[in-house]
Amino acid sequence: MIFMRKFWSMRSFPASHFTPALALAAGLAWAASATFADTLLIVRNVGDDKTIEISAEDLDALPEIEIATTTIWTEGVQTFTGPSLQSLLSSVGVAGGHLSLTALNGYFVEMEYSELTPDAPILARARNGALLSIRDKGPIWLVYPYDSDRMWQTETIFSRSIWQLTEIDVSP
């Protein structure tokens, strides 16, 4: 035991010994992110086993909606912009079904396509004019117009306001 404590202690391995390994890991992470940087979101149609990769350009080509609202996660009125979830799904041929949305950390929510409206929720890519980063709940945050109607101020809606959205699975 004493040998292992000494062997694994930081005194035995100064930080300089880890520098090449950390540099290699950072380089691999950068290369991986550069490879997949074009895909922001994956839409998977479970019924026909079809997978569609959605890029920033794909989202930018859809009609943009602006929502000015307060949220339970931010201070004051925020302005969110992005296409509606319904318009994205319609653009890839989805017209109904059960939706399962998954975040970067594995959190997921479920809803029916019939619960979507042309204006809500939106796939917010920007808040107050700045693109959302992973640190700021991005690059995609599902946002509702919470202040516009009490129907958007329920625990169900708040729980569906998934951020760091990466995947949408559609099943019949």
Protein backbone atom coordinates (compact mmCIF):
# COMPACT_ATOMS: atom_id res chain seq x y z
CA MET A 1 0.00 0.00 0.00
CA ILE A 2 2.75 2.44 0.90
CA PHE A 3 4.46 1.74 -2.43
CA MET A 4 1.25 2.50 -4.33
CA ARG A 5 0.63 5.75 -2.46
CA LYS A 6 4.16 6.92 -3.24
CA PHE A 7 3.99 5.61 -6.80
CA TRP A 8 0.73 7.41 -7.58
CA SER A 9 1.38 10.58 -5.63
CA MET A 10 1.84 13.81 -7.55
CA ARG A 11 5.35 14.10 -6.09
CA SER A 12 6.26 10.95 -8.00
CA PHE A 13 4.83 12.34 -11.23
CA PRO A 14 5.33 16.06 -11.69
CA ALA A 15 2.85 17.85 -13.93
CA SER A 16 5.46 18.03 -16.69
CA HIS A 17 5.15 14.25 -17.18
CA PHE A 18 1.48 14.66 -18.01
CA THR A 19 1.91 17.54 -20.45
CA PRO A 20 2.51 15.39 -23.58
CA ALA A 21 -0.45 13.15 -22.74
CA LEU A 22 -2.71 16.14 -22.13
CA ALA A 23 -1.57 17.76 -25.37
CA LEU A 24 -2.33 14.55 -27.27
CA ALA A 25 -5.77 14.25 -25.64
CA ALA A 26 -6.57 17.90 -26.44
CA GLY A 27 -5.45 17.39 -30.03
CA LEU A 28 -7.63 14.30 -30.43
CA ALA A 29 -10.61 16.12 -28.92
CA TRP A 30 -10.09 19.03 -31.31
CA ALA A 31 -9.81 16.70 -34.30
CA ALA A 32 -13.00 14.89 -33.30
CA SER A 33 -14.88 18.14 -32.84
CA ALA A 34 -13.65 19.45 -36.18
CA THR A 35 -14.88 16.26 -37.86
CA PHE A 36 -18.39 16.50 -36.40
CA ALA A 37 -18.62 20.28 -36.12
CA ASP A 38 -21.08 20.52 -39.01
CA THR A 39 -23.72 18.39 -37.28
CA LEU A 40 -25.62 20.20 -34.53
CA LEU A 41 -28.56 17.84 -34.27
CA ILE A 42 -29.49 14.34 -35.34
CA VAL A 43 -33.08 13.48 -36.24
CA ARG A 44 -33.72 9.76 -36.29
CA ASN A 45 -36.94 8.31 -37.72
CA VAL A 46 -37.18 5.03 -35.86
CA GLY A 47 -40.02 3.76 -38.08
CA ASP A 48 -37.96 3.66 -41.27
CA ASP A 49 -34.49 3.61 -39.66
CA LYS A 50 -33.60 6.94 -41.29
CA THR A 51 -31.04 9.31 -39.72
CA ILE A 52 -30.70 12.94 -40.77
CA GLU A 53 -27.83 15.16 -39.67
CA ILE A 54 -28.87 18.79 -39.17
CA SER A 55 -26.24 21.52 -39.55
CA ALA A 56 -26.28 25.16 -38.50
CA GLU A 57 -26.91 26.04 -42.15
CA ASP A 58 -29.95 23.73 -42.22
CA LEU A 59 -31.40 25.45 -39.15
CA ASP A 60 -30.57 28.92 -40.51
CA ALA A 61 -32.49 28.12 -43.72
CA LEU A 62 -35.73 27.67 -41.76
CA PRO A 63 -37.99 30.61 -40.82
CA GLU A 64 -36.67 32.20 -37.65
CA ILE A 65 -38.91 32.97 -34.69
CA GLU A 66 -38.06 35.43 -31.94
CA ILE A 67 -39.37 34.94 -28.40
CA ALA A 68 -38.91 37.59 -25.70
CA THR A 69 -39.64 35.99 -22.34
CA THR A 70 -38.44 35.39 -18.82
CA THR A 71 -37.36 31.89 -17.82
CA ILE A 72 -36.87 30.13 -14.51
CA TRP A 73 -33.18 29.67 -15.41
CA THR A 74 -32.22 33.25 -16.31
CA GLU A 75 -32.56 36.78 -14.92
CA GLY A 76 -34.93 39.25 -16.61
CA VAL A 77 -36.44 39.17 -20.08
CA GLN A 78 -34.34 37.27 -22.62
CA THR A 79 -34.74 37.24 -26.40
CA PHE A 80 -34.37 33.82 -28.00
CA THR A 81 -34.21 33.18 -31.75
CA GLY A 82 -34.38 30.04 -33.83
CA PRO A 83 -36.74 27.96 -35.96
CA SER A 84 -39.73 26.17 -34.48
CA LEU A 85 -39.36 22.49 -33.72
CA GLN A 86 -42.41 21.85 -35.88
CA SER A 87 -40.84 23.57 -38.91
CA LEU A 88 -37.63 21.57 -38.56
CA LEU A 89 -39.46 18.27 -38.29
CA SER A 90 -41.76 19.16 -41.20
CA SER A 91 -38.71 20.03 -43.32
CA VAL A 92 -37.37 16.50 -42.89
CA GLY A 93 -40.71 14.81 -43.57
CA VAL A 94 -42.00 14.25 -40.03
CA ALA A 95 -45.73 14.95 -39.72
CA GLY A 96 -46.62 13.09 -36.52
CA GLY A 97 -45.56 10.55 -33.97
CA HIS A 98 -43.88 10.31 -30.60
CA LEU A 99 -40.77 12.43 -30.02
CA SER A 100 -37.89 11.64 -27.71
CA LEU A 101 -35.39 14.52 -27.37
CA THR A 102 -31.96 13.89 -25.85
CA ALA A 103 -29.38 16.31 -24.48
CA LEU A 104 -25.61 16.14 -24.48
CA ASN A 105 -25.60 14.84 -20.88
CA GLY A 106 -28.18 12.11 -21.57
CA TYR A 107 -31.20 13.97 -20.15
CA PHE A 108 -34.22 13.26 -22.32
CA VAL A 109 -37.81 14.37 -22.63
CA GLU A 110 -40.76 12.95 -24.49
CA MET A 111 -43.74 14.54 -26.20
CA GLU A 112 -46.16 14.01 -29.04
CA TYR A 113 -45.79 15.78 -32.36
CA SER A 114 -49.42 16.89 -32.01
CA GLU A 115 -48.39 19.06 -29.01
CA LEU A 116 -46.18 21.27 -31.23
CA THR A 117 -47.40 24.55 -32.68
CA PRO A 118 -46.00 26.55 -35.60
CA ASP A 119 -44.52 29.04 -33.10
CA ALA A 120 -43.58 26.92 -30.09
CA PRO A 121 -41.35 25.52 -28.97
CA ILE A 122 -38.39 26.92 -30.85
CA LEU A 123 -34.91 25.50 -31.27
CA ALA A 124 -33.17 28.54 -29.84
CA ARG A 125 -29.67 29.00 -31.20
CA ALA A 126 -29.19 32.56 -29.94
CA ARG A 127 -30.01 34.44 -26.78
CA ASN A 128 -29.96 38.24 -26.77
CA GLY A 129 -28.28 38.20 -30.18
CA ALA A 130 -25.38 35.89 -29.22
CA LEU A 131 -25.10 32.29 -30.38
CA LEU A 132 -25.57 29.83 -27.54
CA SER A 133 -22.46 27.89 -26.54
CA ILE A 134 -22.46 24.60 -24.66
CA ARG A 135 -21.64 26.60 -21.51
CA ASP A 136 -24.75 28.75 -22.11
CA LYS A 137 -27.20 25.86 -22.64
CA GLY A 138 -26.49 25.62 -26.35
CA PRO A 139 -25.89 25.17 -29.11
CA ILE A 140 -29.64 24.34 -29.14
CA TRP A 141 -32.10 25.06 -26.31
CA LEU A 142 -35.77 24.16 -26.68
CA VAL A 143 -37.59 27.32 -25.54
CA TYR A 144 -41.27 28.12 -25.14
CA PRO A 145 -42.89 31.60 -24.97
CA TYR A 146 -43.35 31.18 -21.20
CA ASP A 147 -44.70 34.70 -20.59
CA SER A 148 -47.23 34.70 -23.44
CA ASP A 149 -49.71 32.26 -21.89
CA ARG A 150 -50.14 30.36 -18.61
CA MET A 151 -50.24 27.09 -20.59
CA TRP A 152 -46.46 27.52 -21.10
CA GLN A 153 -45.84 27.88 -17.34
CA THR A 154 -46.30 24.29 -16.18
CA GLU A 155 -43.86 21.78 -14.75
CA THR A 156 -44.33 19.66 -17.87
CA ILE A 157 -43.32 22.52 -20.16
CA PHE A 158 -40.39 23.52 -17.94
CA SER A 159 -39.16 19.91 -17.91
CA ARG A 160 -39.36 19.81 -21.72
CA SER A 161 -37.21 22.93 -22.08
CA ILE A 162 -34.19 20.78 -22.80
CA TRP A 163 -30.87 22.48 -23.45
CA GLN A 164 -27.77 21.17 -25.20
CA LEU A 165 -30.16 19.25 -27.45
CA THR A 166 -28.33 16.74 -29.66
CA GLU A 167 -30.84 14.13 -30.85
CA ILE A 168 -34.50 13.75 -31.70
CA ASP A 169 -35.94 10.25 -32.16
CA VAL A 170 -39.31 10.01 -33.91
CA SER A 171 -41.40 6.87 -33.59
CA PRO A 172 -44.91 6.10 -34.86
